[in-house]
Amino acid sequence: MTALLRYQAALLLRSNRWIFPLIAYGALIAVGAAASTPLAEGLDWSAAMLVPAVAFITRSMLVAEPDASRAVVAAAAGPADGPV
């Protein structure tokens, strides 16, 4: 499992698809923090802006793997409907 996580993280970092969600999240947090709000509202805003950023990064991770690599990983994992 650790090797698979390292592989997926390396693919994402090399693809540079994480840059836009990071910049967008930082800009949205800066806009939300510009107004002087209480701590609870600031944390609400931060959490609300984190959800789309994480969704964008997750989608980027899912499509970052080349087709040939995806086929090799699927073959190494074996059939999906194996014994439970």
PDB file of N, CA and C in Angstrom:
ATOM      1  N   MET A   1       0.826  -1.187   0.000  1.00  0.00           N
ATOM      2  CA  MET A   1       0.000   0.000   0.000  1.00  0.00           C
ATOM      3  C   MET A   1       0.871   1.253   0.000  1.00  0.00           C
ATOM      4  N   THR A   2       1.953   1.230   0.752  1.00  0.00           N
ATOM      5  CA  THR A   2       2.845   2.384   0.806  1.00  0.00           C
ATOM      6  C   THR A   2       3.455   2.655  -0.564  1.00  0.00           C
ATOM      7  N   ALA A   3       3.842   1.596  -1.264  1.00  0.00           N
ATOM      8  CA  ALA A   3       4.433   1.777  -2.585  1.00  0.00           C
ATOM      9  C   ALA A   3       3.415   2.383  -3.557  1.00  0.00           C
ATOM     10  N   LEU A   4       2.178   1.953  -3.463  1.00  0.00           N
ATOM     11  CA  LEU A   4       1.141   2.498  -4.340  1.00  0.00           C
ATOM     12  C   LEU A   4       0.897   3.978  -4.046  1.00  0.00           C
ATOM     13  N   LEU A   5       0.872   4.355  -2.777  1.00  0.00           N
ATOM     14  CA  LEU A   5       0.693   5.763  -2.416  1.00  0.00           C
ATOM     15  C   LEU A   5       1.870   6.608  -2.898  1.00  0.00           C
ATOM     16  N   ARG A   6       3.078   6.083  -2.751  1.00  0.00           N
ATOM     17  CA  ARG A   6       4.246   6.819  -3.247  1.00  0.00           C
ATOM     18  C   ARG A   6       4.196   6.978  -4.765  1.00  0.00           C
ATOM     19  N   TYR A   7       3.754   5.925  -5.456  1.00  0.00           N
ATOM     20  CA  TYR A   7       3.640   5.970  -6.914  1.00  0.00           C
ATOM     21  C   TYR A   7       2.619   7.019  -7.342  1.00  0.00           C
ATOM     22  N   GLN A   8       1.450   7.021  -6.727  1.00  0.00           N
ATOM     23  CA  GLN A   8       0.416   7.990  -7.068  1.00  0.00           C
ATOM     24  C   GLN A   8       0.860   9.420  -6.748  1.00  0.00           C
ATOM     25  N   ALA A   9       1.515   9.607  -5.606  1.00  0.00           N
ATOM     26  CA  ALA A   9       2.005  10.944  -5.237  1.00  0.00           C
ATOM     27  C   ALA A   9       3.071  11.433  -6.215  1.00  0.00           C
ATOM     28  N   ALA A  10       3.960  10.542  -6.637  1.00  0.00           N
ATOM     29  CA  ALA A  10       4.991  10.924  -7.601  1.00  0.00           C
ATOM     30  C   ALA A  10       4.373  11.316  -8.939  1.00  0.00           C
ATOM     31  N   LEU A  11       3.363  10.570  -9.379  1.00  0.00           N
ATOM     32  CA  LEU A  11       2.678  10.927 -10.622  1.00  0.00           C
ATOM     33  C   LEU A  11       2.036  12.301 -10.524  1.00  0.00           C
ATOM     34  N   LEU A  12       1.380  12.565  -9.411  1.00  0.00           N
ATOM     35  CA  LEU A  12       0.721  13.859  -9.235  1.00  0.00           C
ATOM     36  C   LEU A  12       1.726  15.000  -9.191  1.00  0.00           C
ATOM     37  N   LEU A  13       2.812  14.825  -8.450  1.00  0.00           N
ATOM     38  CA  LEU A  13       3.793  15.898  -8.329  1.00  0.00           C
ATOM     39  C   LEU A  13       4.504  16.170  -9.646  1.00  0.00           C
ATOM     40  N   ARG A  14       4.774  15.117 -10.420  1.00  0.00           N
ATOM     41  CA  ARG A  14       5.434  15.315 -11.707  1.00  0.00           C
ATOM     42  C   ARG A  14       4.511  15.926 -12.747  1.00  0.00           C
ATOM     43  N   SER A  15       3.216  15.731 -12.598  1.00  0.00           N
ATOM     44  CA  SER A  15       2.282  16.252 -13.600  1.00  0.00           C
ATOM     45  C   SER A  15       2.000  17.737 -13.407  1.00  0.00           C
ATOM     46  N   ASN A  16       2.350  18.301 -12.277  1.00  0.00           N
ATOM     47  CA  ASN A  16       2.100  19.719 -11.950  1.00  0.00           C
ATOM     48  C   ASN A  16       0.620  20.069 -11.948  1.00  0.00           C
ATOM     49  N   ARG A  17      -0.247  19.095 -11.777  1.00  0.00           N
ATOM     50  CA  ARG A  17      -1.685  19.362 -11.719  1.00  0.00           C
ATOM     51  C   ARG A  17      -2.123  19.836 -10.340  1.00  0.00           C
ATOM     52  N   TRP A  18      -1.243  19.848  -9.387  1.00  0.00           N
ATOM     53  CA  TRP A  18      -1.569  20.283  -8.029  1.00  0.00           C
ATOM     54  C   TRP A  18      -1.378  21.777  -7.855  1.00  0.00           C
ATOM     55  N   ILE A  19      -0.748  22.437  -8.821  1.00  0.00           N
ATOM     56  CA  ILE A  19      -0.425  23.850  -8.665  1.00  0.00           C
ATOM     57  C   ILE A  19      -1.683  24.724  -8.690  1.00  0.00           C
ATOM     58  N   PHE A  20      -2.572  24.520  -9.672  1.00  0.00           N
ATOM     59  CA  PHE A  20      -3.770  25.351  -9.763  1.00  0.00           C
ATOM     60  C   PHE A  20      -4.671  25.219  -8.534  1.00  0.00           C
ATOM     61  N   PRO A  21      -4.978  23.986  -8.066  1.00  0.00           N
ATOM     62  CA  PRO A  21      -5.812  23.915  -6.856  1.00  0.00           C
ATOM     63  C   PRO A  21      -5.158  24.578  -5.642  1.00  0.00           C
ATOM     64  N   LEU A  22      -3.843  24.488  -5.523  1.00  0.00           N
ATOM     65  CA  LEU A  22      -3.151  25.121  -4.401  1.00  0.00           C
ATOM     66  C   LEU A  22      -3.244  26.647  -4.493  1.00  0.00           C
ATOM     67  N   ILE A  23      -3.044  27.196  -5.682  1.00  0.00           N
ATOM     68  CA  ILE A  23      -3.139  28.644  -5.860  1.00  0.00           C
ATOM     69  C   ILE A  23      -4.571  29.118  -5.639  1.00  0.00           C
ATOM     70  N   ALA A  24      -5.533  28.371  -6.165  1.00  0.00           N
ATOM     71  CA  ALA A  24      -6.940  28.751  -5.995  1.00  0.00           C
ATOM     72  C   ALA A  24      -7.332  28.702  -4.519  1.00  0.00           C
ATOM     73  N   TYR A  25      -6.900  27.670  -3.807  1.00  0.00           N
ATOM     74  CA  TYR A  25      -7.205  27.575  -2.379  1.00  0.00           C
ATOM     75  C   TYR A  25      -6.575  28.733  -1.618  1.00  0.00           C
ATOM     76  N   GLY A  26      -5.326  29.050  -1.917  1.00  0.00           N
ATOM     77  CA  GLY A  26      -4.663  30.163  -1.253  1.00  0.00           C
ATOM     78  C   GLY A  26      -5.351  31.492  -1.527  1.00  0.00           C
ATOM     79  N   ALA A  27      -5.792  31.697  -2.784  1.00  0.00           N
ATOM     80  CA  ALA A  27      -6.483  32.944  -3.114  1.00  0.00           C
ATOM     81  C   ALA A  27      -7.824  33.037  -2.395  1.00  0.00           C
ATOM     82  N   LEU A  28      -8.564  31.939  -2.357  1.00  0.00           N
ATOM     83  CA  LEU A  28      -9.860  31.953  -1.675  1.00  0.00           C
ATOM     84  C   LEU A  28      -9.707  32.165  -0.171  1.00  0.00           C
ATOM     85  N   ILE A  29      -8.679  31.582   0.414  1.00  0.00           N
ATOM     86  CA  ILE A  29      -8.435  31.789   1.849  1.00  0.00           C
ATOM     87  C   ILE A  29      -8.031  33.238   2.099  1.00  0.00           C
ATOM     88  N   ALA A  30      -7.230  33.805   1.196  1.00  0.00           N
ATOM     89  CA  ALA A  30      -6.830  35.208   1.362  1.00  0.00           C
ATOM     90  C   ALA A  30      -8.037  36.136   1.268  1.00  0.00           C
ATOM     91  N   VAL A  31      -8.955  35.841   0.361  1.00  0.00           N
ATOM     92  CA  VAL A  31     -10.172  36.650   0.237  1.00  0.00           C
ATOM     93  C   VAL A  31     -11.023  36.506   1.492  1.00  0.00           C
ATOM     94  N   GLY A  32     -11.157  35.289   1.981  1.00  0.00           N
ATOM     95  CA  GLY A  32     -11.965  35.058   3.180  1.00  0.00           C
ATOM     96  C   GLY A  32     -11.347  35.639   4.429  1.00  0.00           C
ATOM     97  N   ALA A  33     -10.028  35.693   4.482  1.00  0.00           N
ATOM     98  CA  ALA A  33      -9.349  36.206   5.668  1.00  0.00           C
ATOM     99  C   ALA A  33      -9.203  37.726   5.633  1.00  0.00           C
ATOM    100  N   ALA A  34      -9.509  38.332   4.499  1.00  0.00           N
ATOM    101  CA  ALA A  34      -9.354  39.782   4.384  1.00  0.00           C
ATOM    102  C   ALA A  34     -10.300  40.521   5.321  1.00  0.00           C
ATOM    103  N   ALA A  35     -11.484  40.013   5.471  1.00  0.00           N
ATOM    104  CA  ALA A  35     -12.443  40.636   6.393  1.00  0.00           C
ATOM    105  C   ALA A  35     -12.126  40.184   7.814  1.00  0.00           C
ATOM    106  N   SER A  36     -12.286  41.090   8.746  1.00  0.00           N
ATOM    107  CA  SER A  36     -12.032  40.704  10.133  1.00  0.00           C
ATOM    108  C   SER A  36     -13.260  39.962  10.653  1.00  0.00           C
ATOM    109  N   THR A  37     -13.137  38.655  10.703  1.00  0.00           N
ATOM    110  CA  THR A  37     -14.244  37.810  11.152  1.00  0.00           C
ATOM    111  C   THR A  37     -13.821  37.050  12.396  1.00  0.00           C
ATOM    112  N   PRO A  38     -14.776  36.573  13.156  1.00  0.00           N
ATOM    113  CA  PRO A  38     -14.448  35.743  14.312  1.00  0.00           C
ATOM    114  C   PRO A  38     -13.792  34.431  13.874  1.00  0.00           C
ATOM    115  N   LEU A  39     -13.149  33.784  14.808  1.00  0.00           N
ATOM    116  CA  LEU A  39     -12.415  32.563  14.513  1.00  0.00           C
ATOM    117  C   LEU A  39     -13.319  31.482  13.942  1.00  0.00           C
ATOM    118  N   ALA A  40     -14.502  31.302  14.492  1.00  0.00           N
ATOM    119  CA  ALA A  40     -15.399  30.241  14.028  1.00  0.00           C
ATOM    120  C   ALA A  40     -15.793  30.445  12.569  1.00  0.00           C
ATOM    121  N   GLU A  41     -16.096  31.662  12.180  1.00  0.00           N
ATOM    122  CA  GLU A  41     -16.467  31.928  10.792  1.00  0.00           C
ATOM    123  C   GLU A  41     -15.272  31.750   9.858  1.00  0.00           C
ATOM    124  N   GLY A  42     -14.099  32.116  10.327  1.00  0.00           N
ATOM    125  CA  GLY A  42     -12.897  31.924   9.528  1.00  0.00           C
ATOM    126  C   GLY A  42     -12.601  30.452   9.303  1.00  0.00           C
ATOM    127  N   LEU A  43     -12.788  29.647  10.317  1.00  0.00           N
ATOM    128  CA  LEU A  43     -12.581  28.207  10.168  1.00  0.00           C
ATOM    129  C   LEU A  43     -13.638  27.594   9.267  1.00  0.00           C
ATOM    130  N   ASP A  44     -14.869  28.066   9.361  1.00  0.00           N
ATOM    131  CA  ASP A  44     -15.926  27.594   8.459  1.00  0.00           C
ATOM    132  C   ASP A  44     -15.566  27.882   7.007  1.00  0.00           C
ATOM    133  N   TRP A  45     -15.120  29.110   6.750  1.00  0.00           N
ATOM    134  CA  TRP A  45     -14.746  29.499   5.397  1.00  0.00           C
ATOM    135  C   TRP A  45     -13.587  28.646   4.890  1.00  0.00           C
ATOM    136  N   SER A  46     -12.593  28.427   5.744  1.00  0.00           N
ATOM    137  CA  SER A  46     -11.437  27.634   5.357  1.00  0.00           C
ATOM    138  C   SER A  46     -11.834  26.206   5.005  1.00  0.00           C
ATOM    139  N   ALA A  47     -12.698  25.612   5.816  1.00  0.00           N
ATOM    140  CA  ALA A  47     -13.146  24.245   5.542  1.00  0.00           C
ATOM    141  C   ALA A  47     -13.984  24.185   4.273  1.00  0.00           C
ATOM    142  N   ALA A  48     -14.823  25.184   4.068  1.00  0.00           N
ATOM    143  CA  ALA A  48     -15.671  25.199   2.876  1.00  0.00           C
ATOM    144  C   ALA A  48     -14.835  25.343   1.603  1.00  0.00           C
ATOM    145  N   MET A  49     -13.748  26.068   1.655  1.00  0.00           N
ATOM    146  CA  MET A  49     -12.899  26.237   0.481  1.00  0.00           C
ATOM    147  C   MET A  49     -11.956  25.051   0.285  1.00  0.00           C
ATOM    148  N   LEU A  50     -11.700  24.296   1.338  1.00  0.00           N
ATOM    149  CA  LEU A  50     -10.833  23.132   1.225  1.00  0.00           C
ATOM    150  C   LEU A  50     -11.514  22.000   0.469  1.00  0.00           C
ATOM    151  N   VAL A  51     -12.822  21.881   0.575  1.00  0.00           N
ATOM    152  CA  VAL A  51     -13.547  20.786  -0.077  1.00  0.00           C
ATOM    153  C   VAL A  51     -13.372  20.823  -1.599  1.00  0.00           C
ATOM    154  N   PRO A  52     -13.626  21.946  -2.299  1.00  0.00           N
ATOM    155  CA  PRO A  52     -13.416  21.924  -3.751  1.00  0.00           C
ATOM    156  C   PRO A  52     -11.954  21.739  -4.141  1.00  0.00           C
ATOM    157  N   ALA A  53     -11.031  22.273  -3.346  1.00  0.00           N
ATOM    158  CA  ALA A  53      -9.611  22.106  -3.670  1.00  0.00           C
ATOM    159  C   ALA A  53      -9.203  20.642  -3.588  1.00  0.00           C
ATOM    160  N   VAL A  54      -9.645  19.951  -2.548  1.00  0.00           N
ATOM    161  CA  VAL A  54      -9.315  18.530  -2.406  1.00  0.00           C
ATOM    162  C   VAL A  54     -10.009  17.707  -3.493  1.00  0.00           C
ATOM    163  N   ALA A  55     -11.226  18.079  -3.856  1.00  0.00           N
ATOM    164  CA  ALA A  55     -11.923  17.372  -4.939  1.00  0.00           C
ATOM    165  C   ALA A  55     -11.175  17.534  -6.252  1.00  0.00           C
ATOM    166  N   PHE A  56     -10.675  18.728  -6.515  1.00  0.00           N
ATOM    167  CA  PHE A  56      -9.928  18.983  -7.742  1.00  0.00           C
ATOM    168  C   PHE A  56      -8.631  18.163  -7.758  1.00  0.00           C
ATOM    169  N   ILE A  57      -7.922  18.125  -6.641  1.00  0.00           N
ATOM    170  CA  ILE A  57      -6.679  17.357  -6.570  1.00  0.00           C
ATOM    171  C   ILE A  57      -6.968  15.860  -6.697  1.00  0.00           C
ATOM    172  N   THR A  58      -8.052  15.387  -6.103  1.00  0.00           N
ATOM    173  CA  THR A  58      -8.411  13.976  -6.209  1.00  0.00           C
ATOM    174  C   THR A  58      -8.699  13.608  -7.655  1.00  0.00           C
ATOM    175  N   ARG A  59      -9.447  14.453  -8.350  1.00  0.00           N
ATOM    176  CA  ARG A  59      -9.730  14.180  -9.753  1.00  0.00           C
ATOM    177  C   ARG A  59      -8.451  14.202 -10.573  1.00  0.00           C
ATOM    178  N   SER A  60      -7.555  15.111 -10.255  1.00  0.00           N
ATOM    179  CA  SER A  60      -6.278  15.177 -10.969  1.00  0.00           C
ATOM    180  C   SER A  60      -5.458  13.920 -10.745  1.00  0.00           C
ATOM    181  N   MET A  61      -5.499  13.380  -9.540  1.00  0.00           N
ATOM    182  CA  MET A  61      -4.762  12.138  -9.264  1.00  0.00           C
ATOM    183  C   MET A  61      -5.352  10.972 -10.040  1.00  0.00           C
ATOM    184  N   LEU A  62      -6.654  10.953 -10.192  1.00  0.00           N
ATOM    185  CA  LEU A  62      -7.291   9.834 -10.874  1.00  0.00           C
ATOM    186  C   LEU A  62      -6.996   9.803 -12.367  1.00  0.00           C
ATOM    187  N   VAL A  63      -6.776  10.956 -12.974  1.00  0.00           N
ATOM    188  CA  VAL A  63      -6.525  10.992 -14.412  1.00  0.00           C
ATOM    189  C   VAL A  63      -5.053  11.225 -14.742  1.00  0.00           C
ATOM    190  N   ALA A  64      -4.171  11.279 -13.766  1.00  0.00           N
ATOM    191  CA  ALA A  64      -2.757  11.564 -14.017  1.00  0.00           C
ATOM    192  C   ALA A  64      -2.007  10.344 -14.536  1.00  0.00           C
ATOM    193  N   GLU A  65      -2.501   9.151 -14.257  1.00  0.00           N
ATOM    194  CA  GLU A  65      -1.786   7.938 -14.631  1.00  0.00           C
ATOM    195  C   GLU A  65      -1.967   7.641 -16.117  1.00  0.00           C
ATOM    196  N   PRO A  66      -0.876   7.412 -16.843  1.00  0.00           N
ATOM    197  CA  PRO A  66      -0.988   7.063 -18.263  1.00  0.00           C
ATOM    198  C   PRO A  66      -1.730   5.724 -18.440  1.00  0.00           C
ATOM    199  N   ASP A  67      -2.311   5.544 -19.627  1.00  0.00           N
ATOM    200  CA  ASP A  67      -3.094   4.332 -19.891  1.00  0.00           C
ATOM    201  C   ASP A  67      -2.262   3.056 -19.754  1.00  0.00           C
ATOM    202  N   ALA A  68      -1.031   3.079 -20.237  1.00  0.00           N
ATOM    203  CA  ALA A  68      -0.195   1.884 -20.157  1.00  0.00           C
ATOM    204  C   ALA A  68       0.106   1.531 -18.694  1.00  0.00           C
ATOM    205  N   SER A  69       0.411   2.525 -17.883  1.00  0.00           N
ATOM    206  CA  SER A  69       0.680   2.273 -16.468  1.00  0.00           C
ATOM    207  C   SER A  69      -0.565   1.772 -15.752  1.00  0.00           C
ATOM    208  N   ARG A  70      -1.717   2.317 -16.112  1.00  0.00           N
ATOM    209  CA  ARG A  70      -2.982   1.888 -15.509  1.00  0.00           C
ATOM    210  C   ARG A  70      -3.241   0.408 -15.819  1.00  0.00           C
ATOM    211  N   ALA A  71      -2.927  -0.016 -17.037  1.00  0.00           N
ATOM    212  CA  ALA A  71      -3.122  -1.415 -17.411  1.00  0.00           C
ATOM    213  C   ALA A  71      -2.184  -2.338 -16.636  1.00  0.00           C
ATOM    214  N   VAL A  72      -0.950  -1.894 -16.427  1.00  0.00           N
ATOM    215  CA  VAL A  72       0.008  -2.713 -15.674  1.00  0.00           C
ATOM    216  C   VAL A  72      -0.417  -2.848 -14.217  1.00  0.00           C
ATOM    217  N   VAL A  73      -0.851  -1.755 -13.614  1.00  0.00           N
ATOM    218  CA  VAL A  73      -1.297  -1.802 -12.224  1.00  0.00           C
ATOM    219  C   VAL A  73      -2.541  -2.671 -12.088  1.00  0.00           C
ATOM    220  N   ALA A  74      -3.460  -2.587 -13.042  1.00  0.00           N
ATOM    221  CA  ALA A  74      -4.666  -3.410 -13.003  1.00  0.00           C
ATOM    222  C   ALA A  74      -4.326  -4.890 -13.153  1.00  0.00           C
ATOM    223  N   ALA A  75      -3.359  -5.206 -14.005  1.00  0.00           N
ATOM    224  CA  ALA A  75      -2.955  -6.603 -14.179  1.00  0.00           C
ATOM    225  C   ALA A  75      -2.263  -7.112 -12.916  1.00  0.00           C
ATOM    226  N   ALA A  76      -1.479  -6.286 -12.275  1.00  0.00           N
ATOM    227  CA  ALA A  76      -0.778  -6.713 -11.055  1.00  0.00           C
ATOM    228  C   ALA A  76      -1.741  -6.895  -9.891  1.00  0.00           C
ATOM    229  N   ALA A  77      -2.823  -6.121  -9.873  1.00  0.00           N
ATOM    230  CA  ALA A  77      -3.791  -6.229  -8.785  1.00  0.00           C
ATOM    231  C   ALA A  77      -4.643  -7.474  -8.898  1.00  0.00           C
ATOM    232  N   GLY A  78      -4.798  -8.001 -10.084  1.00  0.00           N
ATOM    233  CA  GLY A  78      -5.606  -9.196 -10.272  1.00  0.00           C
ATOM    234  C   GLY A  78      -7.051  -8.849 -10.530  1.00  0.00           C
ATOM    235  N   PRO A  79      -7.894  -9.877 -10.626  1.00  0.00           N
ATOM    236  CA  PRO A  79      -9.308  -9.617 -10.915  1.00  0.00           C
ATOM    237  C   PRO A  79     -10.005  -8.897  -9.771  1.00  0.00           C
ATOM    238  N   ALA A  80     -10.949  -8.063 -10.135  1.00  0.00           N
ATOM    239  CA  ALA A  80     -11.664  -7.268  -9.148  1.00  0.00           C
ATOM    240  C   ALA A  80     -12.662  -8.094  -8.364  1.00  0.00           C
ATOM    241  N   ASP A  81     -13.152  -9.189  -8.941  1.00  0.00           N
ATOM    242  CA  ASP A  81     -14.177  -9.986  -8.270  1.00  0.00           C
ATOM    243  C   ASP A  81     -13.578 -11.252  -7.646  1.00  0.00           C
ATOM    244  N   GLY A  82     -12.447 -11.111  -6.994  1.00  0.00           N
ATOM    245  CA  GLY A  82     -11.789 -12.228  -6.333  1.00  0.00           C
ATOM    246  C   GLY A  82     -12.514 -12.663  -5.074  1.00  0.00           C
ATOM    247  N   PRO A  83     -11.950 -13.601  -4.339  1.00  0.00           N
ATOM    248  CA  PRO A  83     -12.594 -14.069  -3.102  1.00  0.00           C
ATOM    249  C   PRO A  83     -12.681 -12.958  -2.060  1.00  0.00           C
ATOM    250  N   VAL A  84     -13.762 -12.937  -1.347  1.00  0.00           N
ATOM    251  CA  VAL A  84     -13.985 -11.902  -0.343  1.00  0.00           C
ATOM    252  C   VAL A  84     -13.676 -12.414   1.031  1.00  0.00           C
TER     253      VAL A  84
END
